[in-house]
Amino acid sequence: MSDWNPTLYMQFGAERSRPAAELLACIPLNDVASALDLGCGPGNSTALLYQRWPNAAITGIDTSPAMLSEARNALPECHFIEADIRSLQPEIPPDLIYANASLQWLSDHDELFPRLISLLKHNGFLAVQMPYNWEEPSHVLMREVAKEQGYPNRGRDPLPSVHRYYDILSQAGSEVDIWRTTYYHKMNSHQAIIDWVSATGLRPWLQDLDESQKQQFLARYHQRLQEHYPVQQDDQILLAFPRLFMVAQRKS
């Protein structure tokens, strides 16, 4: 897959940072010596960690050179490394592993989440937020348009259920707080919805298409979005965006 586009991603920076801040507010830690930000992107979530714990050793981890370049420029006080989350092995167990809208891109959560818990200090926290919108029209329509136009399924698999995540984390030896929030983001057009998902969920669907195929796909996707997202009285469109939150403390 081509590298991420930080400018496109941060076009909706306020909307993307809001759940990151709300996840952070639910972490009951006063003093943090070290924290990892998994899938740190351009550093918007890392900045929140730094603002709360300015004396902590904070490391952002991502696989995108473009995103990491943005993060390093924005936050010279923090450390950033290009690495795969799945092979992560910190030298010192961190107090906090924080993952805002990143782990949904990885598979085998039955193995991944217990491994992340095992990397923590005793009484440390794993804090995770992930989009939970596999059944939302914005994502259902990607699959339907691809099927109409004869393209293979390139989207992510659906995430496990809330109950499954609770079991995974509790069986890994942690106390679990888990909840779901649906945000309703104001979009000024159906094209704005496309701009939003083009930076994230739509990327796998377009990556192997030539320019003509992309335009055909996007034109049909735009048409289907118009059918499913009504325009409000003030000409705005509400994009429902469910997100799943988890805060798990490793038992001592």
C-alpha atoms as a PDB file:
ATOM      1  CA  MET A   1       0.000   0.000   0.000  1.00  0.00           C
ATOM      2  CA  SER A   2       1.271   3.502  -0.780  1.00  0.00           C
ATOM      3  CA  ASP A   3       2.399   5.697   2.080  1.00  0.00           C
ATOM      4  CA  TRP A   4      -0.142   7.639   4.132  1.00  0.00           C
ATOM      5  CA  ASN A   5      -0.932  11.266   3.342  1.00  0.00           C
ATOM      6  CA  PRO A   6      -0.541  13.374   6.523  1.00  0.00           C
ATOM      7  CA  THR A   7      -2.144  16.468   4.966  1.00  0.00           C
ATOM      8  CA  LEU A   8      -5.237  14.566   3.881  1.00  0.00           C
ATOM      9  CA  TYR A   9      -5.400  12.752   7.216  1.00  0.00           C
ATOM     10  CA  MET A  10      -5.298  16.002   9.203  1.00  0.00           C
ATOM     11  CA  GLN A  11      -7.913  17.682   7.026  1.00  0.00           C
ATOM     12  CA  PHE A  12     -10.281  16.531   9.771  1.00  0.00           C
ATOM     13  CA  GLY A  13      -7.735  16.863  12.553  1.00  0.00           C
ATOM     14  CA  ALA A  14     -10.141  18.152  15.200  1.00  0.00           C
ATOM     15  CA  GLU A  15     -12.581  15.307  14.595  1.00  0.00           C
ATOM     16  CA  ARG A  16      -9.802  12.710  14.661  1.00  0.00           C
ATOM     17  CA  SER A  17      -8.219  14.132  17.819  1.00  0.00           C
ATOM     18  CA  ARG A  18     -11.441  14.334  19.835  1.00  0.00           C
ATOM     19  CA  PRO A  19     -11.735  10.578  20.561  1.00  0.00           C
ATOM     20  CA  ALA A  20      -7.996  10.497  21.287  1.00  0.00           C
ATOM     21  CA  ALA A  21      -8.477  13.149  23.954  1.00  0.00           C
ATOM     22  CA  GLU A  22     -11.533  11.413  25.382  1.00  0.00           C
ATOM     23  CA  LEU A  23      -9.645   8.132  25.615  1.00  0.00           C
ATOM     24  CA  LEU A  24      -6.773   9.904  27.366  1.00  0.00           C
ATOM     25  CA  ALA A  25      -9.134  11.472  29.907  1.00  0.00           C
ATOM     26  CA  CYS A  26     -10.208   7.984  31.032  1.00  0.00           C
ATOM     27  CA  ILE A  27      -6.700   6.776  31.920  1.00  0.00           C
ATOM     28  CA  PRO A  28      -6.343   6.998  35.731  1.00  0.00           C
ATOM     29  CA  LEU A  29      -2.602   7.621  35.853  1.00  0.00           C
ATOM     30  CA  ASN A  30      -0.999  10.625  37.524  1.00  0.00           C
ATOM     31  CA  ASP A  31       2.674   9.858  37.050  1.00  0.00           C
ATOM     32  CA  VAL A  32       3.988   8.229  33.883  1.00  0.00           C
ATOM     33  CA  ALA A  33       7.656   7.468  33.353  1.00  0.00           C
ATOM     34  CA  SER A  34       7.273   5.975  29.884  1.00  0.00           C
ATOM     35  CA  ALA A  35       4.491   5.702  27.311  1.00  0.00           C
ATOM     36  CA  LEU A  36       4.175   4.219  23.835  1.00  0.00           C
ATOM     37  CA  ASP A  37       1.863   5.676  21.191  1.00  0.00           C
ATOM     38  CA  LEU A  38       1.101   2.870  18.735  1.00  0.00           C
ATOM     39  CA  GLY A  39       0.272   4.055  15.249  1.00  0.00           C
ATOM     40  CA  CYS A  40       1.102   7.628  16.182  1.00  0.00           C
ATOM     41  CA  GLY A  41       0.479   9.028  12.689  1.00  0.00           C
ATOM     42  CA  PRO A  42       1.463  12.705  12.347  1.00  0.00           C
ATOM     43  CA  GLY A  43       1.742  13.048  16.129  1.00  0.00           C
ATOM     44  CA  ASN A  44      -1.651  14.521  16.982  1.00  0.00           C
ATOM     45  CA  SER A  45      -2.281  11.821  19.588  1.00  0.00           C
ATOM     46  CA  THR A  46       1.329  11.893  20.808  1.00  0.00           C
ATOM     47  CA  ALA A  47       0.957  15.616  21.460  1.00  0.00           C
ATOM     48  CA  LEU A  48      -1.908  14.872  23.851  1.00  0.00           C
ATOM     49  CA  LEU A  49       0.268  12.424  25.785  1.00  0.00           C
ATOM     50  CA  TYR A  50       3.085  14.956  25.964  1.00  0.00           C
ATOM     51  CA  GLN A  51       0.761  17.709  27.182  1.00  0.00           C
ATOM     52  CA  ARG A  52      -0.482  15.516  30.021  1.00  0.00           C
ATOM     53  CA  TRP A  53       2.879  13.983  30.997  1.00  0.00           C
ATOM     54  CA  PRO A  54       5.597  16.377  29.796  1.00  0.00           C
ATOM     55  CA  ASN A  55       8.289  14.669  31.866  1.00  0.00           C
ATOM     56  CA  ALA A  56       7.592  11.166  30.539  1.00  0.00           C
ATOM     57  CA  ALA A  57       9.668   9.370  27.934  1.00  0.00           C
ATOM     58  CA  ILE A  58       7.126   9.181  25.115  1.00  0.00           C
ATOM     59  CA  THR A  59       7.760   7.100  21.995  1.00  0.00           C
ATOM     60  CA  GLY A  60       5.589   7.207  18.906  1.00  0.00           C
ATOM     61  CA  ILE A  61       5.569   4.156  16.657  1.00  0.00           C
ATOM     62  CA  ASP A  62       4.345   3.967  13.064  1.00  0.00           C
ATOM     63  CA  THR A  63       5.169   2.269   9.768  1.00  0.00           C
ATOM     64  CA  SER A  64       4.651   5.402   7.640  1.00  0.00           C
ATOM     65  CA  PRO A  65       7.793   7.473   6.935  1.00  0.00           C
ATOM     66  CA  ALA A  66       5.632  10.424   5.868  1.00  0.00           C
ATOM     67  CA  MET A  67       3.616  10.371   9.082  1.00  0.00           C
ATOM     68  CA  LEU A  68       6.742   9.988  11.224  1.00  0.00           C
ATOM     69  CA  SER A  69       8.402  12.935   9.479  1.00  0.00           C
ATOM     70  CA  GLU A  70       5.427  15.128  10.367  1.00  0.00           C
ATOM     71  CA  ALA A  71       5.448  13.868  13.957  1.00  0.00           C
ATOM     72  CA  ARG A  72       9.172  14.499  14.450  1.00  0.00           C
ATOM     73  CA  ASN A  73       8.866  18.041  13.134  1.00  0.00           C
ATOM     74  CA  ALA A  74       5.876  18.760  15.376  1.00  0.00           C
ATOM     75  CA  LEU A  75       7.221  17.144  18.550  1.00  0.00           C
ATOM     76  CA  PRO A  76      11.023  17.220  18.826  1.00  0.00           C
ATOM     77  CA  GLU A  77      10.636  16.503  22.558  1.00  0.00           C
ATOM     78  CA  CYS A  78       9.333  12.991  21.820  1.00  0.00           C
ATOM     79  CA  HIS A  79      10.989   9.977  20.246  1.00  0.00           C
ATOM     80  CA  PHE A  80       9.613   8.367  17.086  1.00  0.00           C
ATOM     81  CA  ILE A  81      10.526   5.071  15.473  1.00  0.00           C
ATOM     82  CA  GLU A  82       9.467   3.218  12.346  1.00  0.00           C
ATOM     83  CA  ALA A  83       8.405  -0.237  13.503  1.00  0.00           C
ATOM     84  CA  ASP A  84       5.723  -2.894  13.262  1.00  0.00           C
ATOM     85  CA  ILE A  85       3.465  -2.951  16.303  1.00  0.00           C
ATOM     86  CA  ARG A  86       3.274  -6.738  16.159  1.00  0.00           C
ATOM     87  CA  SER A  87       7.019  -7.160  16.725  1.00  0.00           C
ATOM     88  CA  LEU A  88       7.344  -4.423  19.326  1.00  0.00           C
ATOM     89  CA  GLN A  89       9.637  -5.269  22.247  1.00  0.00           C
ATOM     90  CA  PRO A  90      10.386  -2.254  24.480  1.00  0.00           C
ATOM     91  CA  GLU A  91      13.564  -2.435  26.549  1.00  0.00           C
ATOM     92  CA  ILE A  92      11.735  -1.183  29.641  1.00  0.00           C
ATOM     93  CA  PRO A  93       8.085  -2.095  30.337  1.00  0.00           C
ATOM     94  CA  PRO A  94       6.039   1.096  29.869  1.00  0.00           C
ATOM     95  CA  ASP A  95       3.450   2.512  32.232  1.00  0.00           C
ATOM     96  CA  LEU A  96       1.113   3.127  29.296  1.00  0.00           C
ATOM     97  CA  ILE A  97       0.534   1.677  25.861  1.00  0.00           C
ATOM     98  CA  TYR A  98      -1.819   3.966  23.966  1.00  0.00           C
ATOM     99  CA  ALA A  99      -3.334   3.152  20.580  1.00  0.00           C
ATOM    100  CA  ASN A 100      -5.669   5.646  18.947  1.00  0.00           C
ATOM    101  CA  ALA A 101      -7.309   4.431  15.713  1.00  0.00           C
ATOM    102  CA  SER A 102      -4.464   2.101  14.773  1.00  0.00           C
ATOM    103  CA  LEU A 103      -5.005  -1.480  15.942  1.00  0.00           C
ATOM    104  CA  GLN A 104      -8.010  -2.003  13.642  1.00  0.00           C
ATOM    105  CA  TRP A 105      -5.480  -2.301  10.807  1.00  0.00           C
ATOM    106  CA  LEU A 106      -3.940  -5.392  12.413  1.00  0.00           C
ATOM    107  CA  SER A 107      -5.371  -8.900  12.542  1.00  0.00           C
ATOM    108  CA  ASP A 108      -5.328 -11.635  15.215  1.00  0.00           C
ATOM    109  CA  HIS A 109      -6.467  -9.492  18.123  1.00  0.00           C
ATOM    110  CA  ASP A 110      -6.835 -12.667  20.206  1.00  0.00           C
ATOM    111  CA  GLU A 111      -3.035 -12.799  20.182  1.00  0.00           C
ATOM    112  CA  LEU A 112      -2.169  -9.120  19.798  1.00  0.00           C
ATOM    113  CA  PHE A 113      -4.032  -7.715  22.798  1.00  0.00           C
ATOM    114  CA  PRO A 114      -2.676 -10.211  25.372  1.00  0.00           C
ATOM    115  CA  ARG A 115       0.816  -9.589  24.030  1.00  0.00           C
ATOM    116  CA  LEU A 116       0.422  -5.838  24.506  1.00  0.00           C
ATOM    117  CA  ILE A 117      -0.806  -6.402  28.073  1.00  0.00           C
ATOM    118  CA  SER A 118       2.264  -8.569  28.740  1.00  0.00           C
ATOM    119  CA  LEU A 119       4.600  -5.731  27.693  1.00  0.00           C
ATOM    120  CA  LEU A 120       3.274  -3.386  30.392  1.00  0.00           C
ATOM    121  CA  LYS A 121       4.591  -2.777  33.865  1.00  0.00           C
ATOM    122  CA  HIS A 122       2.448  -4.363  36.524  1.00  0.00           C
ATOM    123  CA  ASN A 123      -0.480  -2.009  37.113  1.00  0.00           C
ATOM    124  CA  GLY A 124       0.242  -0.348  33.777  1.00  0.00           C
ATOM    125  CA  PHE A 125      -2.503   0.519  31.289  1.00  0.00           C
ATOM    126  CA  LEU A 126      -3.396  -0.397  27.734  1.00  0.00           C
ATOM    127  CA  ALA A 127      -5.700   2.266  26.246  1.00  0.00           C
ATOM    128  CA  VAL A 128      -7.245   1.592  22.838  1.00  0.00           C
ATOM    129  CA  GLN A 129      -9.680   3.404  20.576  1.00  0.00           C
ATOM    130  CA  MET A 130     -10.758   1.960  17.232  1.00  0.00           C
ATOM    131  CA  PRO A 131     -13.340   2.884  14.602  1.00  0.00           C
ATOM    132  CA  TYR A 132     -16.243   0.453  14.907  1.00  0.00           C
ATOM    133  CA  ASN A 133     -17.995   1.330  11.658  1.00  0.00           C
ATOM    134  CA  TRP A 134     -17.873  -1.850   9.597  1.00  0.00           C
ATOM    135  CA  GLU A 135     -21.696  -1.824   9.385  1.00  0.00           C
ATOM    136  CA  GLU A 136     -22.047   1.908   8.695  1.00  0.00           C
ATOM    137  CA  PRO A 137     -23.149   2.974   5.174  1.00  0.00           C
ATOM    138  CA  SER A 138     -19.815   4.750   4.644  1.00  0.00           C
ATOM    139  CA  HIS A 139     -18.064   1.366   4.779  1.00  0.00           C
ATOM    140  CA  VAL A 140     -20.809  -0.983   3.597  1.00  0.00           C
ATOM    141  CA  LEU A 141     -21.018   1.036   0.372  1.00  0.00           C
ATOM    142  CA  MET A 142     -17.299   0.595  -0.296  1.00  0.00           C
ATOM    143  CA  ARG A 143     -17.819  -3.149  -0.337  1.00  0.00           C
ATOM    144  CA  GLU A 144     -20.979  -2.928  -2.422  1.00  0.00           C
ATOM    145  CA  VAL A 145     -19.429  -0.644  -5.059  1.00  0.00           C
ATOM    146  CA  ALA A 146     -16.389  -2.888  -5.310  1.00  0.00           C
ATOM    147  CA  LYS A 147     -18.646  -5.901  -5.836  1.00  0.00           C
ATOM    148  CA  GLU A 148     -20.686  -4.053  -8.474  1.00  0.00           C
ATOM    149  CA  GLN A 149     -17.541  -3.160 -10.395  1.00  0.00           C
ATOM    150  CA  GLY A 150     -15.969  -6.582 -10.106  1.00  0.00           C
ATOM    151  CA  TYR A 151     -13.132  -5.755  -7.714  1.00  0.00           C
ATOM    152  CA  PRO A 152     -11.959  -8.127  -4.971  1.00  0.00           C
ATOM    153  CA  ASN A 153     -12.629  -7.439  -1.307  1.00  0.00           C
ATOM    154  CA  ARG A 154      -9.757  -5.316  -0.028  1.00  0.00           C
ATOM    155  CA  GLY A 155     -11.377  -3.952   3.130  1.00  0.00           C
ATOM    156  CA  ARG A 156     -10.633  -4.862   6.725  1.00  0.00           C
ATOM    157  CA  ASP A 157     -12.422  -7.751   8.390  1.00  0.00           C
ATOM    158  CA  PRO A 158     -15.022  -6.822  11.011  1.00  0.00           C
ATOM    159  CA  LEU A 159     -13.654  -6.354  14.503  1.00  0.00           C
ATOM    160  CA  PRO A 160     -14.572  -8.816  17.264  1.00  0.00           C
ATOM    161  CA  SER A 161     -17.566  -8.074  19.457  1.00  0.00           C
ATOM    162  CA  VAL A 162     -17.428  -5.978  22.616  1.00  0.00           C
ATOM    163  CA  HIS A 163     -17.977  -9.140  24.654  1.00  0.00           C
ATOM    164  CA  ARG A 164     -15.094 -10.884  22.907  1.00  0.00           C
ATOM    165  CA  TYR A 165     -12.703  -8.004  23.607  1.00  0.00           C
ATOM    166  CA  TYR A 166     -13.720  -8.044  27.259  1.00  0.00           C
ATOM    167  CA  ASP A 167     -12.889 -11.748  27.478  1.00  0.00           C
ATOM    168  CA  ILE A 168      -9.597 -11.360  25.611  1.00  0.00           C
ATOM    169  CA  LEU A 169      -8.400  -8.642  27.950  1.00  0.00           C
ATOM    170  CA  SER A 170      -9.731 -10.075  31.193  1.00  0.00           C
ATOM    171  CA  GLN A 171      -8.262 -13.500  30.412  1.00  0.00           C
ATOM    172  CA  ALA A 172      -4.933 -11.774  29.751  1.00  0.00           C
ATOM    173  CA  GLY A 173      -4.884 -10.655  33.378  1.00  0.00           C
ATOM    174  CA  SER A 174      -6.310  -7.161  33.313  1.00  0.00           C
ATOM    175  CA  GLU A 175      -9.182  -5.131  34.708  1.00  0.00           C
ATOM    176  CA  VAL A 176     -11.245  -3.875  31.795  1.00  0.00           C
ATOM    177  CA  ASP A 177     -13.317  -0.777  31.130  1.00  0.00           C
ATOM    178  CA  ILE A 178     -14.953  -0.909  27.701  1.00  0.00           C
ATOM    179  CA  TRP A 179     -17.482   1.333  25.986  1.00  0.00           C
ATOM    180  CA  ARG A 180     -18.725   2.513  22.627  1.00  0.00           C
ATOM    181  CA  THR A 181     -19.432   6.073  21.482  1.00  0.00           C
ATOM    182  CA  THR A 182     -21.066   7.193  18.239  1.00  0.00           C
ATOM    183  CA  TYR A 183     -19.949  10.603  16.992  1.00  0.00           C
ATOM    184  CA  TYR A 184     -22.017  12.540  14.479  1.00  0.00           C
ATOM    185  CA  HIS A 185     -19.586  14.605  12.434  1.00  0.00           C
ATOM    186  CA  LYS A 186     -20.917  17.521  10.408  1.00  0.00           C
ATOM    187  CA  MET A 187     -19.885  17.251   6.772  1.00  0.00           C
ATOM    188  CA  ASN A 188     -20.565  20.096   4.351  1.00  0.00           C
ATOM    189  CA  SER A 189     -21.031  17.771   1.365  1.00  0.00           C
ATOM    190  CA  HIS A 190     -21.031  14.142   0.342  1.00  0.00           C
ATOM    191  CA  GLN A 191     -17.637  14.791  -1.199  1.00  0.00           C
ATOM    192  CA  ALA A 192     -16.405  15.693   2.292  1.00  0.00           C
ATOM    193  CA  ILE A 193     -17.280  12.155   3.419  1.00  0.00           C
ATOM    194  CA  ILE A 194     -15.129  10.831   0.584  1.00  0.00           C
ATOM    195  CA  ASP A 195     -12.313  13.175   1.599  1.00  0.00           C
ATOM    196  CA  TRP A 196     -12.564  11.812   5.165  1.00  0.00           C
ATOM    197  CA  VAL A 197     -12.417   8.125   4.260  1.00  0.00           C
ATOM    198  CA  SER A 198      -9.884   8.629   1.448  1.00  0.00           C
ATOM    199  CA  ALA A 199      -7.231   9.147   4.131  1.00  0.00           C
ATOM    200  CA  THR A 200      -8.090   5.898   5.917  1.00  0.00           C
ATOM    201  CA  GLY A 201     -10.737   3.270   5.129  1.00  0.00           C
ATOM    202  CA  LEU A 202     -10.976   3.907   1.387  1.00  0.00           C
ATOM    203  CA  ARG A 203      -7.237   3.547   0.775  1.00  0.00           C
ATOM    204  CA  PRO A 204      -7.162  -0.258   0.354  1.00  0.00           C
ATOM    205  CA  TRP A 205     -10.025  -0.155  -2.144  1.00  0.00           C
ATOM    206  CA  LEU A 206      -8.293   2.339  -4.453  1.00  0.00           C
ATOM    207  CA  GLN A 207      -4.670   1.268  -4.160  1.00  0.00           C
ATOM    208  CA  ASP A 208      -4.570  -1.104  -7.154  1.00  0.00           C
ATOM    209  CA  LEU A 209      -6.883   0.839  -9.480  1.00  0.00           C
ATOM    210  CA  ASP A 210      -5.707   2.983 -12.367  1.00  0.00           C
ATOM    211  CA  GLU A 211      -6.910   6.579 -12.587  1.00  0.00           C
ATOM    212  CA  SER A 212      -9.921   5.774 -14.754  1.00  0.00           C
ATOM    213  CA  GLN A 213     -11.018   2.960 -12.457  1.00  0.00           C
ATOM    214  CA  LYS A 214     -10.599   5.204  -9.407  1.00  0.00           C
ATOM    215  CA  GLN A 215     -12.789   7.896 -10.902  1.00  0.00           C
ATOM    216  CA  GLN A 216     -15.442   5.339 -11.824  1.00  0.00           C
ATOM    217  CA  PHE A 217     -15.364   3.856  -8.335  1.00  0.00           C
ATOM    218  CA  LEU A 218     -15.546   7.262  -6.632  1.00  0.00           C
ATOM    219  CA  ALA A 219     -18.367   8.506  -8.856  1.00  0.00           C
ATOM    220  CA  ARG A 220     -20.496   5.486  -8.001  1.00  0.00           C
ATOM    221  CA  TYR A 221     -19.539   5.678  -4.317  1.00  0.00           C
ATOM    222  CA  HIS A 222     -20.532   9.349  -4.257  1.00  0.00           C
ATOM    223  CA  GLN A 223     -23.882   8.481  -5.806  1.00  0.00           C
ATOM    224  CA  ARG A 224     -24.535   5.785  -3.199  1.00  0.00           C
ATOM    225  CA  LEU A 225     -23.550   8.137  -0.368  1.00  0.00           C
ATOM    226  CA  GLN A 226     -26.149  10.623  -1.592  1.00  0.00           C
ATOM    227  CA  GLU A 227     -28.760   7.879  -1.314  1.00  0.00           C
ATOM    228  CA  HIS A 228     -27.881   7.037   2.302  1.00  0.00           C
ATOM    229  CA  TYR A 229     -26.896  10.339   3.906  1.00  0.00           C
ATOM    230  CA  PRO A 230     -29.654  12.991   3.839  1.00  0.00           C
ATOM    231  CA  VAL A 231     -28.898  16.700   3.803  1.00  0.00           C
ATOM    232  CA  GLN A 232     -29.986  18.499   6.978  1.00  0.00           C
ATOM    233  CA  GLN A 233     -32.029  21.702   7.099  1.00  0.00           C
ATOM    234  CA  ASP A 234     -28.832  23.756   7.380  1.00  0.00           C
ATOM    235  CA  ASP A 235     -27.265  21.944   4.381  1.00  0.00           C
ATOM    236  CA  GLN A 236     -24.955  19.865   6.582  1.00  0.00           C
ATOM    237  CA  ILE A 237     -24.681  16.074   6.475  1.00  0.00           C
ATOM    238  CA  LEU A 238     -24.276  14.008   9.641  1.00  0.00           C
ATOM    239  CA  LEU A 239     -21.700  11.238   9.349  1.00  0.00           C
ATOM    240  CA  ALA A 240     -22.319   8.676  12.093  1.00  0.00           C
ATOM    241  CA  PHE A 241     -18.978   7.336  13.301  1.00  0.00           C
ATOM    242  CA  PRO A 242     -19.046   4.662  16.054  1.00  0.00           C
ATOM    243  CA  ARG A 243     -15.827   4.098  17.972  1.00  0.00           C
ATOM    244  CA  LEU A 244     -14.889   1.412  20.494  1.00  0.00           C
ATOM    245  CA  PHE A 245     -12.869   2.336  23.597  1.00  0.00           C
ATOM    246  CA  MET A 246     -10.970   0.064  25.973  1.00  0.00           C
ATOM    247  CA  VAL A 247      -8.870   0.866  29.035  1.00  0.00           C
ATOM    248  CA  ALA A 248      -7.281  -2.229  30.600  1.00  0.00           C
ATOM    249  CA  GLN A 249      -5.000  -2.281  33.644  1.00  0.00           C
ATOM    250  CA  ARG A 250      -2.537  -5.123  33.996  1.00  0.00           C
ATOM    251  CA  LYS A 251      -3.004  -6.745  37.379  1.00  0.00           C
ATOM    252  CA  SER A 252      -0.013  -6.866  39.693  1.00  0.00           C
END
